Structure formats: structure tokens, C-alpha cells
Amino acid sequence: MKTMPFGKYKGQRLDTIPRKYLQWVLKNLSLSTELQVSIETILTVRAFYGWDDEAYWDAYPMGYLPKSDDELLDEVFKKYE
């Protein structure tokens, strides 16, 4: 799983970073194509499965995703490697 290479969440997996921060990064920073695609993919998957709902993040305050969801995200990222 890809990790954030800089900033407040440096070293953390992208799927554990709050949606609003990822959206801010996309809008305000110049990113490598790889990182941009990874963040866009995370946001798309979260939106599709409802993970961008604030109630989800209240239930999983550390950004934890159940193992089966982690496996799904790993499969998605393998397509972009």
C-alpha cells in the first residue's frame, strides 16, 4: 500500500489519511503522476463504498479498514504499479 511521502501524514498509508486532507493535497500541490493517481484512486474507492462518509471515520478513527477492504485496495493499487 502506498504511503504519503511528505507533510503531516508522512509515512502513513494513503487509505488511513482523512478525505479532506487528500482532497486538499490534490487541489493545492504539484504531485507526481503516481501519487496523484493513487490519491484519486483512494478517493474514488472510498466514495464508491461509502467510506468517505464521516460516520465511517467516526467508527474507525485511525482510518482502519477491515482486512478484506485492505486486500481490495491492494488489488486496486497493483493495477497502477
C-alpha atoms as a PDB file:
ATOM      1  CA  MET A   1       0.000   0.000   0.000  1.00  0.00           C
ATOM      2  CA  LYS A   2       1.331   3.429  -0.968  1.00  0.00           C
ATOM      3  CA  THR A   3       2.287   5.846   1.804  1.00  0.00           C
ATOM      4  CA  MET A   4       2.265   9.644   1.952  1.00  0.00           C
ATOM      5  CA  PRO A   5       5.806  10.852   1.161  1.00  0.00           C
ATOM      6  CA  PHE A   6       5.545  14.264   2.884  1.00  0.00           C
ATOM      7  CA  GLY A   7       3.634  16.544   5.228  1.00  0.00           C
ATOM      8  CA  LYS A   8       1.530  15.990   8.301  1.00  0.00           C
ATOM      9  CA  TYR A   9       0.816  12.348   7.391  1.00  0.00           C
ATOM     10  CA  LYS A  10       4.293  11.443   6.092  1.00  0.00           C
ATOM     11  CA  GLY A  11       4.822   7.666   6.161  1.00  0.00           C
ATOM     12  CA  GLN A  12       1.149   6.841   6.701  1.00  0.00           C
ATOM     13  CA  ARG A  13      -0.798   4.664   4.293  1.00  0.00           C
ATOM     14  CA  LEU A  14      -2.961   6.735   1.969  1.00  0.00           C
ATOM     15  CA  ASP A  15      -6.069   4.799   2.983  1.00  0.00           C
ATOM     16  CA  THR A  16      -5.656   5.999   6.583  1.00  0.00           C
ATOM     17  CA  ILE A  17      -5.469   9.703   5.739  1.00  0.00           C
ATOM     18  CA  PRO A  18      -8.621  11.841   6.090  1.00  0.00           C
ATOM     19  CA  ARG A  19     -10.515  12.549   2.862  1.00  0.00           C
ATOM     20  CA  LYS A  20     -10.434  16.316   3.320  1.00  0.00           C
ATOM     21  CA  TYR A  21      -6.632  16.311   3.578  1.00  0.00           C
ATOM     22  CA  LEU A  22      -6.261  14.165   0.448  1.00  0.00           C
ATOM     23  CA  GLN A  23      -8.629  16.460  -1.441  1.00  0.00           C
ATOM     24  CA  TRP A  24      -6.627  19.493  -0.295  1.00  0.00           C
ATOM     25  CA  VAL A  25      -3.364  17.882  -1.443  1.00  0.00           C
ATOM     26  CA  LEU A  26      -4.826  17.170  -4.897  1.00  0.00           C
ATOM     27  CA  LYS A  27      -6.128  20.710  -5.261  1.00  0.00           C
ATOM     28  CA  ASN A  28      -3.162  22.666  -3.889  1.00  0.00           C
ATOM     29  CA  LEU A  29       0.063  20.750  -4.532  1.00  0.00           C
ATOM     30  CA  SER A  30       2.003  19.658  -7.587  1.00  0.00           C
ATOM     31  CA  LEU A  31       2.268  15.859  -7.333  1.00  0.00           C
ATOM     32  CA  SER A  32       3.978  13.082  -9.204  1.00  0.00           C
ATOM     33  CA  THR A  33       1.634  11.260 -11.557  1.00  0.00           C
ATOM     34  CA  GLU A  34       1.937   8.115  -9.440  1.00  0.00           C
ATOM     35  CA  LEU A  35       0.924   9.872  -6.210  1.00  0.00           C
ATOM     36  CA  GLN A  36      -1.882  11.786  -7.917  1.00  0.00           C
ATOM     37  CA  VAL A  37      -3.356   8.583  -9.381  1.00  0.00           C
ATOM     38  CA  SER A  38      -3.006   6.799  -6.034  1.00  0.00           C
ATOM     39  CA  ILE A  39      -4.855   9.546  -4.143  1.00  0.00           C
ATOM     40  CA  GLU A  40      -7.552   9.782  -6.816  1.00  0.00           C
ATOM     41  CA  THR A  41      -7.997   6.007  -6.643  1.00  0.00           C
ATOM     42  CA  ILE A  42      -8.316   6.039  -2.849  1.00  0.00           C
ATOM     43  CA  LEU A  43     -10.929   8.806  -3.011  1.00  0.00           C
ATOM     44  CA  THR A  44     -12.855   7.010  -5.767  1.00  0.00           C
ATOM     45  CA  VAL A  45     -12.898   3.698  -3.891  1.00  0.00           C
ATOM     46  CA  ARG A  46     -13.955   5.440  -0.665  1.00  0.00           C
ATOM     47  CA  ALA A  47     -16.791   7.246  -2.430  1.00  0.00           C
ATOM     48  CA  PHE A  48     -17.975   4.071  -4.163  1.00  0.00           C
ATOM     49  CA  TYR A  49     -18.093   2.065  -0.919  1.00  0.00           C
ATOM     50  CA  GLY A  50     -19.295   4.955   1.262  1.00  0.00           C
ATOM     51  CA  TRP A  51     -16.019   5.201   3.158  1.00  0.00           C
ATOM     52  CA  ASP A  52     -15.920   8.963   2.722  1.00  0.00           C
ATOM     53  CA  ASP A  53     -18.941   9.283   4.984  1.00  0.00           C
ATOM     54  CA  GLU A  54     -17.945  10.998   8.249  1.00  0.00           C
ATOM     55  CA  ALA A  55     -19.791   8.287  10.204  1.00  0.00           C
ATOM     56  CA  TYR A  56     -17.356   5.707   8.802  1.00  0.00           C
ATOM     57  CA  TRP A  57     -14.368   7.674  10.072  1.00  0.00           C
ATOM     58  CA  ASP A  58     -16.053   8.157  13.447  1.00  0.00           C
ATOM     59  CA  ALA A  59     -16.401   4.374  13.680  1.00  0.00           C
ATOM     60  CA  TYR A  60     -12.776   3.869  12.589  1.00  0.00           C
ATOM     61  CA  PRO A  61     -10.934   6.924  13.979  1.00  0.00           C
ATOM     62  CA  MET A  62      -7.476   5.663  12.976  1.00  0.00           C
ATOM     63  CA  GLY A  63      -8.623   5.132   9.405  1.00  0.00           C
ATOM     64  CA  TYR A  64      -8.690   1.378   9.939  1.00  0.00           C
ATOM     65  CA  LEU A  65     -10.165  -0.624   7.119  1.00  0.00           C
ATOM     66  CA  PRO A  66     -11.251  -4.226   7.671  1.00  0.00           C
ATOM     67  CA  LYS A  67      -8.793  -6.738   6.259  1.00  0.00           C
ATOM     68  CA  SER A  68     -10.972  -7.600   3.289  1.00  0.00           C
ATOM     69  CA  ASP A  69     -11.104  -3.914   2.341  1.00  0.00           C
ATOM     70  CA  ASP A  70      -7.325  -3.622   2.671  1.00  0.00           C
ATOM     71  CA  GLU A  71      -6.989  -6.535   0.291  1.00  0.00           C
ATOM     72  CA  LEU A  72      -9.352  -4.834  -2.135  1.00  0.00           C
ATOM     73  CA  LEU A  73      -7.331  -1.628  -2.056  1.00  0.00           C
ATOM     74  CA  ASP A  74      -4.099  -3.563  -2.569  1.00  0.00           C
ATOM     75  CA  GLU A  75      -5.622  -5.118  -5.697  1.00  0.00           C
ATOM     76  CA  VAL A  76      -6.634  -1.693  -6.978  1.00  0.00           C
ATOM     77  CA  PHE A  77      -3.111  -0.323  -6.431  1.00  0.00           C
ATOM     78  CA  LYS A  78      -1.479  -3.307  -8.139  1.00  0.00           C
ATOM     79  CA  LYS A  79      -3.198  -2.190 -11.337  1.00  0.00           C
ATOM     80  CA  TYR A  80      -1.266   1.101 -11.176  1.00  0.00           C
ATOM     81  CA  GLU A  81       2.169  -0.320 -10.307  1.00  0.00           C
END
